[in-house]
Structures are given as C-alpha cells and as structure tokens.
Amino acid sequence: MTNHENKRVINEQQVTEHVKVRDVDTVETHSAAVHAPVFNRARFEYDKRVRTEEMRMQVTTFAVMIFLTFIAFAMTAAGLSKDFVLPVILLLALIQVILQFFYFMHMKHKGHDIAKLFMLFGMFLAMTFVVTALYLMWLGSPLK
C-alpha cells in the first residue's frame, strides 16, 4: 500500500469525563498496521476546559467547607446554648459530608451508582445504630 491509501481511523467511542480518546493514524507496514497517536487540538482544548472547571469547583467546595468549619468553631467559642449549637453543627457536618462525597469522591459523575448505593446503605445502618443507642440510653431500659 502507498501512503496515499492509508486511512485515517477515528475512535468514535463515547467520551466520558474520565476517559481520554485520541485520534489514531493507521500506518501500513510490510506485515501489520502500526497505530500512532495524532494530536487533536479540539480534544485537547475540551479536556483542558473540563479539567479547569473541575478544579475550580473543587477549590470552591474546599473554601465552603473551611468556612462551615469556621462557623462551627465560632459558635462553640461564642458560648451559645448547647440546645442551639448542637443541631446546627450536626447540620453543617451533614452538608460537609455531602460536599465531600460529590466533589472530592466524584460521586456526581456517571458510573458510581453501586458506590452510592453502598454508601447510602452504610449511612442507613449507622443512623439505625445511633437512633437505637440514643433510644436505649435516654429513655431508660425499655426492654424490661
């Protein structure tokens, strides 16, 4: 085969945020085809833009979580009532856990459904144990 007969093969797989797909040139040799990566400017710009947006969201989320932690410390240091501070701190902690899951553990991306299911089931079990323990400790011994 001559160089003019070489065919340009484009990988047409669906692109996700975690998979980088490159264009490939097929070069015919004496015995087999050799694939050499070709630089794709549009793909490079797209990946760069996606990575920049992802990094911006992670930095913003980190700043929000630091701010929420600062609010919790400030409320504790101000000497506010425990009846007010405890539920607010638990709410701030829940918000931080959700931010942690979705932005730092990448649970907002596709393909993490099984991991989400296991985490939700784990949270359900943890809440069941906490509620049961609080019930047994604060309401006396209901099993008598």
C-alpha atoms as a PDB file:
ATOM      1  CA  MET A   1       0.000   0.000   0.000  1.00  0.00           C
ATOM      2  CA  THR A   2       1.138   3.534  -0.658  1.00  0.00           C
ATOM      3  CA  ASN A   3       0.999   6.435   1.744  1.00  0.00           C
ATOM      4  CA  HIS A   4      -1.954   7.899  -0.161  1.00  0.00           C
ATOM      5  CA  GLU A   5      -4.001   4.805   0.529  1.00  0.00           C
ATOM      6  CA  ASN A   6      -3.533   4.977   4.293  1.00  0.00           C
ATOM      7  CA  LYS A   7      -6.818   5.519   6.032  1.00  0.00           C
ATOM      8  CA  ARG A   8      -7.343   7.809   8.958  1.00  0.00           C
ATOM      9  CA  VAL A   9      -9.194   5.910  11.680  1.00  0.00           C
ATOM     10  CA  ILE A  10     -11.070   7.957  14.247  1.00  0.00           C
ATOM     11  CA  ASN A  11     -12.017   6.414  17.534  1.00  0.00           C
ATOM     12  CA  GLU A  12     -15.760   7.087  17.925  1.00  0.00           C
ATOM     13  CA  GLN A  13     -16.298   5.779  21.430  1.00  0.00           C
ATOM     14  CA  GLN A  14     -18.424   7.903  23.684  1.00  0.00           C
ATOM     15  CA  VAL A  15     -16.269  10.198  25.736  1.00  0.00           C
ATOM     16  CA  THR A  16     -16.823  10.423  29.460  1.00  0.00           C
ATOM     17  CA  GLU A  17     -15.106  12.799  31.848  1.00  0.00           C
ATOM     18  CA  HIS A  18     -12.681  10.089  32.933  1.00  0.00           C
ATOM     19  CA  VAL A  19     -11.724   8.665  29.523  1.00  0.00           C
ATOM     20  CA  LYS A  20      -9.479  10.472  27.101  1.00  0.00           C
ATOM     21  CA  VAL A  21      -9.938   9.413  23.492  1.00  0.00           C
ATOM     22  CA  ARG A  22      -7.299  10.206  20.888  1.00  0.00           C
ATOM     23  CA  ASP A  23      -7.354  10.168  17.138  1.00  0.00           C
ATOM     24  CA  VAL A  24      -5.217   7.419  15.630  1.00  0.00           C
ATOM     25  CA  ASP A  25      -3.482   7.299  12.255  1.00  0.00           C
ATOM     26  CA  THR A  26      -3.175   3.880  10.675  1.00  0.00           C
ATOM     27  CA  VAL A  27       0.198   3.358   9.032  1.00  0.00           C
ATOM     28  CA  GLU A  28       0.608   0.271   6.884  1.00  0.00           C
ATOM     29  CA  THR A  29       3.966  -1.523   7.072  1.00  0.00           C
ATOM     30  CA  HIS A  30       5.199  -4.732   5.427  1.00  0.00           C
ATOM     31  CA  SER A  31       3.374  -7.031   7.822  1.00  0.00           C
ATOM     32  CA  ALA A  32       0.940  -5.147  10.036  1.00  0.00           C
ATOM     33  CA  ALA A  33      -0.685  -1.813  10.693  1.00  0.00           C
ATOM     34  CA  VAL A  34       1.007   0.436  13.260  1.00  0.00           C
ATOM     35  CA  HIS A  35      -1.103   2.948  15.179  1.00  0.00           C
ATOM     36  CA  ALA A  36       0.484   6.261  16.082  1.00  0.00           C
ATOM     37  CA  PRO A  37      -1.325   8.866  18.217  1.00  0.00           C
ATOM     38  CA  VAL A  38      -2.110  12.164  16.493  1.00  0.00           C
ATOM     39  CA  PHE A  39      -2.522  15.424  18.374  1.00  0.00           C
ATOM     40  CA  ASN A  40      -6.121  16.616  18.346  1.00  0.00           C
ATOM     41  CA  ARG A  41      -6.348  20.332  19.221  1.00  0.00           C
ATOM     42  CA  ALA A  42     -10.145  20.330  19.740  1.00  0.00           C
ATOM     43  CA  ARG A  43      -9.957  17.331  22.093  1.00  0.00           C
ATOM     44  CA  PHE A  44      -7.071  18.951  23.985  1.00  0.00           C
ATOM     45  CA  GLU A  45      -8.998  22.229  24.431  1.00  0.00           C
ATOM     46  CA  TYR A  46     -12.114  20.360  25.570  1.00  0.00           C
ATOM     47  CA  ASP A  47     -10.159  18.307  28.138  1.00  0.00           C
ATOM     48  CA  LYS A  48      -8.393  21.438  29.370  1.00  0.00           C
ATOM     49  CA  ARG A  49     -11.692  23.294  29.820  1.00  0.00           C
ATOM     50  CA  VAL A  50     -13.277  20.342  31.680  1.00  0.00           C
ATOM     51  CA  ARG A  51     -10.268  19.964  33.986  1.00  0.00           C
ATOM     52  CA  THR A  52     -10.250  23.707  34.703  1.00  0.00           C
ATOM     53  CA  GLU A  53     -13.949  23.705  35.600  1.00  0.00           C
ATOM     54  CA  GLU A  54     -13.476  20.630  37.797  1.00  0.00           C
ATOM     55  CA  MET A  55     -10.522  22.198  39.620  1.00  0.00           C
ATOM     56  CA  ARG A  56     -12.447  25.458  40.125  1.00  0.00           C
ATOM     57  CA  MET A  57     -15.373  23.544  41.657  1.00  0.00           C
ATOM     58  CA  GLN A  58     -13.055  21.593  43.974  1.00  0.00           C
ATOM     59  CA  VAL A  59     -11.316  24.749  45.222  1.00  0.00           C
ATOM     60  CA  THR A  60     -14.669  26.490  45.738  1.00  0.00           C
ATOM     61  CA  THR A  61     -16.047  23.479  47.596  1.00  0.00           C
ATOM     62  CA  PHE A  62     -12.942  23.327  49.772  1.00  0.00           C
ATOM     63  CA  ALA A  63     -13.352  27.019  50.646  1.00  0.00           C
ATOM     64  CA  VAL A  64     -17.029  26.480  51.528  1.00  0.00           C
ATOM     65  CA  MET A  65     -16.127  23.544  53.786  1.00  0.00           C
ATOM     66  CA  ILE A  66     -13.435  25.606  55.561  1.00  0.00           C
ATOM     67  CA  PHE A  67     -15.996  28.396  56.043  1.00  0.00           C
ATOM     68  CA  LEU A  68     -18.528  25.931  57.515  1.00  0.00           C
ATOM     69  CA  THR A  69     -15.853  24.639  59.898  1.00  0.00           C
ATOM     70  CA  PHE A  70     -15.060  28.220  60.913  1.00  0.00           C
ATOM     71  CA  ILE A  71     -18.755  28.837  61.651  1.00  0.00           C
ATOM     72  CA  ALA A  72     -18.867  25.721  63.863  1.00  0.00           C
ATOM     73  CA  PHE A  73     -15.773  26.802  65.820  1.00  0.00           C
ATOM     74  CA  ALA A  74     -17.074  30.372  66.166  1.00  0.00           C
ATOM     75  CA  MET A  75     -20.435  29.197  67.525  1.00  0.00           C
ATOM     76  CA  THR A  76     -18.681  26.954  70.036  1.00  0.00           C
ATOM     77  CA  ALA A  77     -16.244  29.675  71.095  1.00  0.00           C
ATOM     78  CA  ALA A  78     -19.055  32.238  71.461  1.00  0.00           C
ATOM     79  CA  GLY A  79     -20.575  30.164  74.244  1.00  0.00           C
ATOM     80  CA  LEU A  80     -24.020  29.838  72.694  1.00  0.00           C
ATOM     81  CA  SER A  81     -26.574  27.452  74.129  1.00  0.00           C
ATOM     82  CA  LYS A  82     -25.909  23.757  73.567  1.00  0.00           C
ATOM     83  CA  ASP A  83     -29.512  23.289  72.505  1.00  0.00           C
ATOM     84  CA  PHE A  84     -28.886  25.633  69.574  1.00  0.00           C
ATOM     85  CA  VAL A  85     -25.250  24.796  68.739  1.00  0.00           C
ATOM     86  CA  LEU A  86     -25.514  21.003  68.593  1.00  0.00           C
ATOM     87  CA  PRO A  87     -28.192  20.744  65.860  1.00  0.00           C
ATOM     88  CA  VAL A  88     -26.544  23.499  63.808  1.00  0.00           C
ATOM     89  CA  ILE A  89     -23.134  21.807  63.985  1.00  0.00           C
ATOM     90  CA  LEU A  90     -24.696  18.468  63.007  1.00  0.00           C
ATOM     91  CA  LEU A  91     -26.380  20.169  60.032  1.00  0.00           C
ATOM     92  CA  LEU A  92     -23.078  21.783  58.996  1.00  0.00           C
ATOM     93  CA  ALA A  93     -21.371  18.379  59.284  1.00  0.00           C
ATOM     94  CA  LEU A  94     -24.039  16.789  57.083  1.00  0.00           C
ATOM     95  CA  ILE A  95     -23.539  19.499  54.458  1.00  0.00           C
ATOM     96  CA  GLN A  96     -19.781  18.895  54.552  1.00  0.00           C
ATOM     97  CA  VAL A  97     -20.242  15.132  54.142  1.00  0.00           C
ATOM     98  CA  ILE A  98     -22.452  15.671  51.097  1.00  0.00           C
ATOM     99  CA  LEU A  99     -19.927  18.093  49.569  1.00  0.00           C
ATOM    100  CA  GLN A 100     -17.145  15.616  50.291  1.00  0.00           C
ATOM    101  CA  PHE A 101     -18.983  12.785  48.546  1.00  0.00           C
ATOM    102  CA  PHE A 102     -19.999  14.698  45.463  1.00  0.00           C
ATOM    103  CA  TYR A 103     -16.921  16.830  44.774  1.00  0.00           C
ATOM    104  CA  PHE A 104     -13.919  15.038  46.255  1.00  0.00           C
ATOM    105  CA  MET A 105     -15.066  11.432  45.868  1.00  0.00           C
ATOM    106  CA  HIS A 106     -16.511  12.194  42.398  1.00  0.00           C
ATOM    107  CA  MET A 107     -19.941  10.747  43.165  1.00  0.00           C
ATOM    108  CA  LYS A 108     -21.547  13.277  40.834  1.00  0.00           C
ATOM    109  CA  HIS A 109     -20.004  11.501  37.826  1.00  0.00           C
ATOM    110  CA  LYS A 110     -21.747   8.730  35.936  1.00  0.00           C
ATOM    111  CA  GLY A 111     -20.901   5.134  36.730  1.00  0.00           C
ATOM    112  CA  HIS A 112     -20.780   5.464  40.523  1.00  0.00           C
ATOM    113  CA  ASP A 113     -24.256   4.108  41.183  1.00  0.00           C
ATOM    114  CA  ILE A 114     -23.146   0.972  43.053  1.00  0.00           C
ATOM    115  CA  ALA A 115     -20.794   3.001  45.261  1.00  0.00           C
ATOM    116  CA  LYS A 116     -23.634   5.443  46.005  1.00  0.00           C
ATOM    117  CA  LEU A 117     -25.922   2.539  46.900  1.00  0.00           C
ATOM    118  CA  PHE A 118     -23.381   1.049  49.328  1.00  0.00           C
ATOM    119  CA  MET A 119     -22.735   4.443  50.941  1.00  0.00           C
ATOM    120  CA  LEU A 120     -26.435   5.124  51.388  1.00  0.00           C
ATOM    121  CA  PHE A 121     -26.938   1.669  52.892  1.00  0.00           C
ATOM    122  CA  GLY A 122     -23.982   2.274  55.233  1.00  0.00           C
ATOM    123  CA  MET A 123     -25.458   5.615  56.304  1.00  0.00           C
ATOM    124  CA  PHE A 124     -28.808   3.920  56.907  1.00  0.00           C
ATOM    125  CA  LEU A 125     -27.153   1.312  59.139  1.00  0.00           C
ATOM    126  CA  ALA A 126     -25.165   3.965  61.003  1.00  0.00           C
ATOM    127  CA  MET A 127     -28.278   6.060  61.628  1.00  0.00           C
ATOM    128  CA  THR A 128     -30.134   2.952  62.800  1.00  0.00           C
ATOM    129  CA  PHE A 129     -27.409   2.209  65.343  1.00  0.00           C
ATOM    130  CA  VAL A 130     -27.261   5.825  66.536  1.00  0.00           C
ATOM    131  CA  VAL A 131     -31.036   6.115  66.951  1.00  0.00           C
ATOM    132  CA  THR A 132     -31.190   2.763  68.754  1.00  0.00           C
ATOM    133  CA  ALA A 133     -28.331   3.710  71.087  1.00  0.00           C
ATOM    134  CA  LEU A 134     -29.904   7.085  71.894  1.00  0.00           C
ATOM    135  CA  TYR A 135     -33.262   5.431  72.495  1.00  0.00           C
ATOM    136  CA  LEU A 136     -31.759   2.883  74.886  1.00  0.00           C
ATOM    137  CA  MET A 137     -29.625   5.434  76.773  1.00  0.00           C
ATOM    138  CA  TRP A 138     -32.033   8.348  77.123  1.00  0.00           C
ATOM    139  CA  LEU A 139     -35.331   6.580  77.578  1.00  0.00           C
ATOM    140  CA  GLY A 140     -34.100   4.151  80.194  1.00  0.00           C
ATOM    141  CA  SER A 141     -34.325   0.451  79.636  1.00  0.00           C
ATOM    142  CA  PRO A 142     -37.391  -0.184  77.528  1.00  0.00           C
ATOM    143  CA  LEU A 143     -36.588  -3.877  77.278  1.00  0.00           C
ATOM    144  CA  LYS A 144     -37.554  -4.675  80.929  1.00  0.00           C
END
